[in-house]
Amino acid sequence: MPHHIISSTLSSSSDLVPDITALLSASNFTIVDVSTGKAIRSGFAFVTDPDPVYRAAETTEREVAIALDVLRHEQASHLAVCPRLDGAFDFLAVALTDRREEAIEATLSTGFSSYFNATTRRTTTVRHNFADE
């Protein structure tokens, strides 16, 4: 019995690693689609879980490959890297929206303190107003 060949429109994780590593190395403020390896250039990104999916001392191809595998296992669709004060890097699962208000609400609900504007390539810190409670 012949075997059927099944093709996927998604690139394999290993095919995307060099491109994603280059994007992340070029800028600390890059959001990457993990299925295409392309940088996101518009919208607002927010962290879906304040705990990083992976932490590494540097953003080498090996580290990016590990982070991509974890992200895909968790069914996350976008990746961001956040430099830490100690010199390490947090690989974060992020979600995207076109609405700034939605990014702010989601940021507050996760306990994270900032969201990312992919158009201007800047982060914005959100301050929780405890007086309203």
N, C-alpha and C. Protein backbone atom coordinates (compact mmCIF):
# COMPACT_ATOMS: atom_id res chain seq x y z
N MET A 1 0.85 -1.17 0.00
CA MET A 1 0.00 0.00 0.00
C MET A 1 0.90 1.24 0.00
N PRO A 2 0.65 2.19 -0.90
CA PRO A 2 1.49 3.38 -0.97
C PRO A 2 1.24 4.30 0.22
N HIS A 3 2.29 5.01 0.60
CA HIS A 3 2.17 6.00 1.67
C HIS A 3 1.77 7.34 1.07
N HIS A 4 0.89 8.01 1.73
CA HIS A 4 0.48 9.33 1.28
C HIS A 4 1.46 10.37 1.80
N ILE A 5 1.77 11.32 0.96
CA ILE A 5 2.65 12.41 1.37
C ILE A 5 1.77 13.57 1.82
N ILE A 6 2.00 14.01 3.02
CA ILE A 6 1.23 15.12 3.56
C ILE A 6 2.17 16.31 3.67
N SER A 7 1.80 17.39 3.03
CA SER A 7 2.63 18.59 3.13
C SER A 7 1.97 19.58 4.06
N SER A 8 2.78 20.41 4.65
CA SER A 8 2.28 21.42 5.57
C SER A 8 2.64 22.79 5.05
N THR A 9 1.77 23.76 5.28
CA THR A 9 2.08 25.13 4.89
C THR A 9 3.00 25.79 5.91
N LEU A 10 3.15 25.17 7.08
CA LEU A 10 4.02 25.72 8.10
C LEU A 10 5.45 25.28 7.86
N SER A 11 6.38 26.17 8.03
CA SER A 11 7.79 25.82 7.95
C SER A 11 8.15 25.04 9.20
N SER A 12 9.15 24.17 9.05
CA SER A 12 9.58 23.46 10.24
C SER A 12 10.34 24.42 11.13
N SER A 13 10.36 24.10 12.39
CA SER A 13 11.02 24.95 13.37
C SER A 13 12.48 25.19 13.00
N SER A 14 13.16 24.15 12.56
CA SER A 14 14.59 24.29 12.26
C SER A 14 14.84 25.17 11.04
N ASP A 15 13.90 25.21 10.09
CA ASP A 15 14.06 26.07 8.91
C ASP A 15 14.01 27.55 9.28
N LEU A 16 13.25 27.88 10.31
CA LEU A 16 13.04 29.27 10.69
C LEU A 16 14.07 29.81 11.67
N VAL A 17 14.80 28.94 12.32
CA VAL A 17 15.72 29.35 13.39
C VAL A 17 16.73 30.41 12.94
N PRO A 18 17.44 30.25 11.82
CA PRO A 18 18.40 31.29 11.44
C PRO A 18 17.76 32.65 11.19
N ASP A 19 16.61 32.67 10.53
CA ASP A 19 15.93 33.94 10.25
C ASP A 19 15.43 34.61 11.53
N ILE A 20 14.84 33.82 12.42
CA ILE A 20 14.33 34.38 13.66
C ILE A 20 15.47 34.86 14.54
N THR A 21 16.56 34.10 14.59
CA THR A 21 17.73 34.52 15.37
C THR A 21 18.27 35.85 14.86
N ALA A 22 18.32 36.01 13.55
CA ALA A 22 18.81 37.27 12.96
C ALA A 22 17.88 38.43 13.32
N LEU A 23 16.57 38.21 13.26
CA LEU A 23 15.61 39.26 13.63
C LEU A 23 15.77 39.67 15.09
N LEU A 24 15.88 38.69 15.96
CA LEU A 24 15.98 38.98 17.39
C LEU A 24 17.32 39.63 17.74
N SER A 25 18.36 39.26 17.03
CA SER A 25 19.68 39.84 17.28
C SER A 25 19.76 41.29 16.81
N ALA A 26 18.98 41.62 15.80
CA ALA A 26 19.02 42.97 15.24
C ALA A 26 18.30 43.99 16.11
N SER A 27 17.35 43.53 16.92
CA SER A 27 16.57 44.48 17.72
C SER A 27 16.03 43.79 18.97
N ASN A 28 16.07 44.50 20.08
CA ASN A 28 15.47 43.97 21.31
C ASN A 28 13.95 44.03 21.27
N PHE A 29 13.41 44.81 20.35
CA PHE A 29 11.97 45.02 20.31
C PHE A 29 11.38 44.44 19.03
N THR A 30 11.34 43.13 18.96
CA THR A 30 10.81 42.45 17.79
C THR A 30 9.82 41.39 18.22
N ILE A 31 8.67 41.36 17.56
CA ILE A 31 7.68 40.31 17.75
C ILE A 31 7.75 39.44 16.50
N VAL A 32 7.82 38.12 16.69
CA VAL A 32 7.98 37.20 15.57
C VAL A 32 6.84 36.20 15.54
N ASP A 33 6.29 35.97 14.35
CA ASP A 33 5.29 34.93 14.12
C ASP A 33 6.05 33.60 14.07
N VAL A 34 5.76 32.68 14.98
CA VAL A 34 6.54 31.45 15.06
C VAL A 34 6.24 30.47 13.92
N SER A 35 5.16 30.66 13.20
CA SER A 35 4.85 29.76 12.09
C SER A 35 5.48 30.21 10.77
N THR A 36 5.75 31.52 10.64
CA THR A 36 6.33 32.02 9.39
C THR A 36 7.74 32.56 9.55
N GLY A 37 8.11 32.91 10.78
CA GLY A 37 9.43 33.49 11.01
C GLY A 37 9.52 34.96 10.66
N LYS A 38 8.40 35.58 10.36
CA LYS A 38 8.37 36.99 9.95
C LYS A 38 8.16 37.90 11.16
N ALA A 39 8.76 39.08 11.10
CA ALA A 39 8.56 40.08 12.15
C ALA A 39 7.18 40.72 11.98
N ILE A 40 6.53 40.99 13.09
CA ILE A 40 5.24 41.66 13.09
C ILE A 40 5.50 43.16 13.11
N ARG A 41 4.90 43.89 12.18
CA ARG A 41 5.18 45.32 12.03
C ARG A 41 4.04 46.24 12.43
N SER A 42 2.89 45.68 12.81
CA SER A 42 1.78 46.54 13.22
C SER A 42 0.97 45.85 14.31
N GLY A 43 0.23 46.65 15.05
CA GLY A 43 -0.61 46.12 16.11
C GLY A 43 0.05 46.25 17.47
N PHE A 44 -0.59 45.64 18.45
CA PHE A 44 -0.12 45.70 19.83
C PHE A 44 0.06 44.27 20.34
N ALA A 45 1.18 44.02 20.97
CA ALA A 45 1.47 42.70 21.51
C ALA A 45 1.47 42.77 23.03
N PHE A 46 0.93 41.72 23.64
CA PHE A 46 0.92 41.64 25.09
C PHE A 46 1.29 40.22 25.51
N VAL A 47 1.90 40.12 26.66
CA VAL A 47 2.35 38.83 27.18
C VAL A 47 1.14 38.04 27.65
N THR A 48 1.07 36.78 27.26
CA THR A 48 -0.06 35.94 27.67
C THR A 48 0.18 35.28 29.02
N ASP A 49 1.43 35.17 29.42
CA ASP A 49 1.80 34.60 30.71
C ASP A 49 3.04 35.35 31.19
N PRO A 50 3.01 35.92 32.38
CA PRO A 50 4.16 36.71 32.83
C PRO A 50 5.43 35.88 33.03
N ASP A 51 5.30 34.58 33.14
CA ASP A 51 6.48 33.73 33.26
C ASP A 51 7.03 33.44 31.87
N PRO A 52 8.33 33.60 31.69
CA PRO A 52 8.91 33.32 30.37
C PRO A 52 8.79 31.84 30.03
N VAL A 53 8.65 31.54 28.74
CA VAL A 53 8.63 30.14 28.32
C VAL A 53 10.04 29.55 28.33
N TYR A 54 11.04 30.44 28.26
CA TYR A 54 12.43 30.01 28.27
C TYR A 54 13.30 31.20 28.64
N ARG A 55 14.39 30.95 29.33
CA ARG A 55 15.35 32.00 29.70
C ARG A 55 16.73 31.52 29.26
N ALA A 56 17.48 32.43 28.64
CA ALA A 56 18.81 32.07 28.14
C ALA A 56 19.78 33.22 28.35
N ALA A 57 21.06 32.89 28.35
CA ALA A 57 22.11 33.90 28.52
C ALA A 57 22.31 34.71 27.24
N GLU A 58 21.92 34.13 26.10
CA GLU A 58 22.09 34.82 24.82
C GLU A 58 21.04 34.33 23.83
N THR A 59 20.95 35.00 22.69
CA THR A 59 19.96 34.61 21.68
C THR A 59 20.66 33.95 20.49
N THR A 60 21.25 32.79 20.75
CA THR A 60 21.90 32.03 19.69
C THR A 60 20.87 31.16 18.98
N GLU A 61 21.26 30.56 17.87
CA GLU A 61 20.33 29.67 17.14
C GLU A 61 19.88 28.51 18.02
N ARG A 62 20.78 27.99 18.83
CA ARG A 62 20.42 26.88 19.72
C ARG A 62 19.33 27.32 20.70
N GLU A 63 19.50 28.49 21.30
CA GLU A 63 18.52 28.98 22.28
C GLU A 63 17.19 29.30 21.61
N VAL A 64 17.23 29.89 20.43
CA VAL A 64 16.00 30.20 19.70
C VAL A 64 15.27 28.91 19.33
N ALA A 65 16.00 27.87 18.92
CA ALA A 65 15.38 26.59 18.56
C ALA A 65 14.66 25.98 19.77
N ILE A 66 15.29 26.05 20.93
CA ILE A 66 14.66 25.52 22.14
C ILE A 66 13.39 26.31 22.45
N ALA A 67 13.48 27.63 22.41
CA ALA A 67 12.31 28.48 22.70
C ALA A 67 11.17 28.21 21.72
N LEU A 68 11.49 28.06 20.43
CA LEU A 68 10.46 27.78 19.43
C LEU A 68 9.75 26.46 19.71
N ASP A 69 10.52 25.45 20.08
CA ASP A 69 9.91 24.15 20.39
C ASP A 69 8.95 24.27 21.58
N VAL A 70 9.35 25.01 22.61
CA VAL A 70 8.48 25.20 23.77
C VAL A 70 7.23 25.98 23.37
N LEU A 71 7.41 27.05 22.61
CA LEU A 71 6.26 27.86 22.17
C LEU A 71 5.29 27.05 21.34
N ARG A 72 5.80 26.26 20.43
CA ARG A 72 4.91 25.44 19.59
C ARG A 72 4.19 24.39 20.41
N HIS A 73 4.89 23.82 21.39
CA HIS A 73 4.26 22.84 22.27
C HIS A 73 3.10 23.48 23.04
N GLU A 74 3.28 24.73 23.44
CA GLU A 74 2.23 25.46 24.16
C GLU A 74 1.22 26.11 23.22
N GLN A 75 1.37 25.88 21.93
CA GLN A 75 0.49 26.41 20.89
C GLN A 75 0.45 27.93 20.87
N ALA A 76 1.57 28.54 21.20
CA ALA A 76 1.69 30.00 21.10
C ALA A 76 2.01 30.36 19.66
N SER A 77 1.54 31.51 19.21
CA SER A 77 1.76 31.87 17.82
C SER A 77 2.78 32.99 17.62
N HIS A 78 3.13 33.69 18.69
CA HIS A 78 4.08 34.79 18.56
C HIS A 78 5.11 34.77 19.69
N LEU A 79 6.30 35.22 19.36
CA LEU A 79 7.43 35.23 20.28
C LEU A 79 7.98 36.64 20.43
N ALA A 80 8.36 36.98 21.64
CA ALA A 80 9.10 38.22 21.91
C ALA A 80 10.24 37.87 22.84
N VAL A 81 11.30 38.62 22.75
CA VAL A 81 12.43 38.43 23.66
C VAL A 81 12.60 39.71 24.45
N CYS A 82 12.71 39.55 25.75
CA CYS A 82 12.85 40.69 26.65
C CYS A 82 14.20 40.60 27.35
N PRO A 83 15.08 41.58 27.13
CA PRO A 83 16.37 41.56 27.85
C PRO A 83 16.15 41.84 29.34
N ARG A 84 16.89 41.13 30.16
CA ARG A 84 16.80 41.29 31.62
C ARG A 84 17.95 42.16 32.12
N LEU A 85 17.79 42.72 33.30
CA LEU A 85 18.84 43.56 33.88
C LEU A 85 20.13 42.78 34.15
N ASP A 86 20.01 41.46 34.39
CA ASP A 86 21.19 40.65 34.66
C ASP A 86 21.91 40.20 33.38
N GLY A 87 21.44 40.65 32.22
CA GLY A 87 22.07 40.32 30.95
C GLY A 87 21.47 39.13 30.23
N ALA A 88 20.61 38.38 30.91
CA ALA A 88 19.95 37.23 30.28
C ALA A 88 18.77 37.72 29.43
N PHE A 89 18.14 36.78 28.73
CA PHE A 89 16.99 37.10 27.88
C PHE A 89 15.83 36.18 28.24
N ASP A 90 14.64 36.77 28.37
CA ASP A 90 13.41 36.01 28.56
C ASP A 90 12.72 35.87 27.22
N PHE A 91 12.40 34.63 26.84
CA PHE A 91 11.62 34.36 25.64
C PHE A 91 10.17 34.27 26.11
N LEU A 92 9.31 35.12 25.55
CA LEU A 92 7.93 35.24 26.01
C LEU A 92 6.93 34.89 24.92
N ALA A 93 5.85 34.23 25.33
CA ALA A 93 4.72 34.00 24.43
C ALA A 93 3.87 35.27 24.47
N VAL A 94 3.56 35.81 23.30
CA VAL A 94 2.75 37.02 23.23
C VAL A 94 1.58 36.81 22.27
N ALA A 95 0.55 37.60 22.47
CA ALA A 95 -0.60 37.62 21.57
C ALA A 95 -0.69 39.00 20.95
N LEU A 96 -1.38 39.10 19.84
CA LEU A 96 -1.51 40.37 19.11
C LEU A 96 -2.95 40.83 19.04
N THR A 97 -3.11 42.12 18.97
CA THR A 97 -4.42 42.73 18.75
C THR A 97 -4.22 44.03 17.98
N ASP A 98 -5.26 44.46 17.29
CA ASP A 98 -5.21 45.76 16.62
C ASP A 98 -5.69 46.87 17.54
N ARG A 99 -6.27 46.49 18.67
CA ARG A 99 -6.86 47.47 19.59
C ARG A 99 -5.96 47.72 20.80
N ARG A 100 -5.55 48.95 20.97
CA ARG A 100 -4.70 49.35 22.10
C ARG A 100 -5.37 49.03 23.43
N GLU A 101 -6.68 49.31 23.54
CA GLU A 101 -7.41 49.08 24.78
C GLU A 101 -7.38 47.61 25.18
N GLU A 102 -7.49 46.73 24.21
CA GLU A 102 -7.45 45.30 24.48
C GLU A 102 -6.07 44.90 25.02
N ALA A 103 -5.03 45.48 24.45
CA ALA A 103 -3.67 45.19 24.93
C ALA A 103 -3.50 45.66 26.37
N ILE A 104 -4.06 46.82 26.69
CA ILE A 104 -3.96 47.34 28.06
C ILE A 104 -4.70 46.43 29.04
N GLU A 105 -5.93 46.05 28.69
CA GLU A 105 -6.72 45.16 29.55
C GLU A 105 -6.01 43.84 29.78
N ALA A 106 -5.50 43.26 28.70
CA ALA A 106 -4.81 41.97 28.81
C ALA A 106 -3.53 42.10 29.62
N THR A 107 -2.83 43.19 29.45
CA THR A 107 -1.60 43.42 30.21
C THR A 107 -1.90 43.48 31.70
N LEU A 108 -2.92 44.21 32.07
CA LEU A 108 -3.30 44.31 33.48
C LEU A 108 -3.75 42.96 34.04
N SER A 109 -4.46 42.17 33.25
CA SER A 109 -4.98 40.90 33.75
C SER A 109 -3.89 39.86 33.97
N THR A 110 -2.77 39.97 33.25
CA THR A 110 -1.69 39.00 33.43
C THR A 110 -0.72 39.41 34.53
N GLY A 111 -0.82 40.65 34.99
CA GLY A 111 0.12 41.11 35.99
C GLY A 111 1.42 41.64 35.41
N PHE A 112 1.52 41.63 34.09
CA PHE A 112 2.70 42.18 33.44
C PHE A 112 2.56 43.69 33.42
N SER A 113 3.64 44.41 33.25
CA SER A 113 3.57 45.86 33.40
C SER A 113 3.63 46.64 32.09
N SER A 114 3.86 45.97 30.97
CA SER A 114 3.95 46.74 29.73
C SER A 114 3.48 45.92 28.53
N TYR A 115 3.09 46.63 27.49
CA TYR A 115 2.74 46.01 26.22
C TYR A 115 3.61 46.66 25.15
N PHE A 116 3.59 46.09 23.95
CA PHE A 116 4.48 46.51 22.88
C PHE A 116 3.68 47.01 21.69
N ASN A 117 4.03 48.18 21.19
CA ASN A 117 3.42 48.72 19.98
C ASN A 117 4.34 48.32 18.82
N ALA A 118 3.89 47.39 17.99
CA ALA A 118 4.72 46.89 16.89
C ALA A 118 4.94 47.92 15.80
N THR A 119 4.04 48.89 15.68
CA THR A 119 4.19 49.92 14.65
C THR A 119 5.31 50.89 15.01
N THR A 120 5.30 51.38 16.24
CA THR A 120 6.33 52.33 16.67
C THR A 120 7.55 51.64 17.26
N ARG A 121 7.43 50.34 17.52
CA ARG A 121 8.51 49.52 18.09
C ARG A 121 8.93 50.04 19.47
N ARG A 122 7.93 50.38 20.28
CA ARG A 122 8.19 50.87 21.64
C ARG A 122 7.29 50.14 22.63
N THR A 123 7.80 50.01 23.85
CA THR A 123 6.96 49.45 24.91
C THR A 123 6.28 50.58 25.66
N THR A 124 5.12 50.27 26.22
CA THR A 124 4.39 51.22 27.03
C THR A 124 4.10 50.57 28.38
N THR A 125 4.45 51.25 29.44
CA THR A 125 4.19 50.74 30.79
C THR A 125 2.78 51.10 31.20
N VAL A 126 2.07 50.12 31.76
CA VAL A 126 0.70 50.31 32.22
C VAL A 126 0.74 50.39 33.74
N ARG A 127 0.12 51.39 34.26
CA ARG A 127 0.05 51.55 35.72
C ARG A 127 -1.37 51.21 36.18
N HIS A 128 -1.45 50.32 37.17
CA HIS A 128 -2.74 49.93 37.71
C HIS A 128 -3.18 50.97 38.74
N ASN A 129 -4.41 51.44 38.62
CA ASN A 129 -4.93 52.45 39.55
C ASN A 129 -5.69 51.74 40.67
N PHE A 130 -5.04 51.60 41.81
CA PHE A 130 -5.66 50.89 42.93
C PHE A 130 -6.78 51.70 43.59
N ALA A 131 -6.84 52.99 43.35
CA ALA A 131 -7.88 53.83 43.94
C ALA A 131 -9.27 53.49 43.40
N ASP A 132 -9.32 52.85 42.22
CA ASP A 132 -10.61 52.50 41.62
C ASP A 132 -11.24 51.27 42.25
N GLU A 133 -10.49 50.54 43.04
CA GLU A 133 -11.01 49.28 43.59
C GLU A 133 -11.78 49.50 44.86
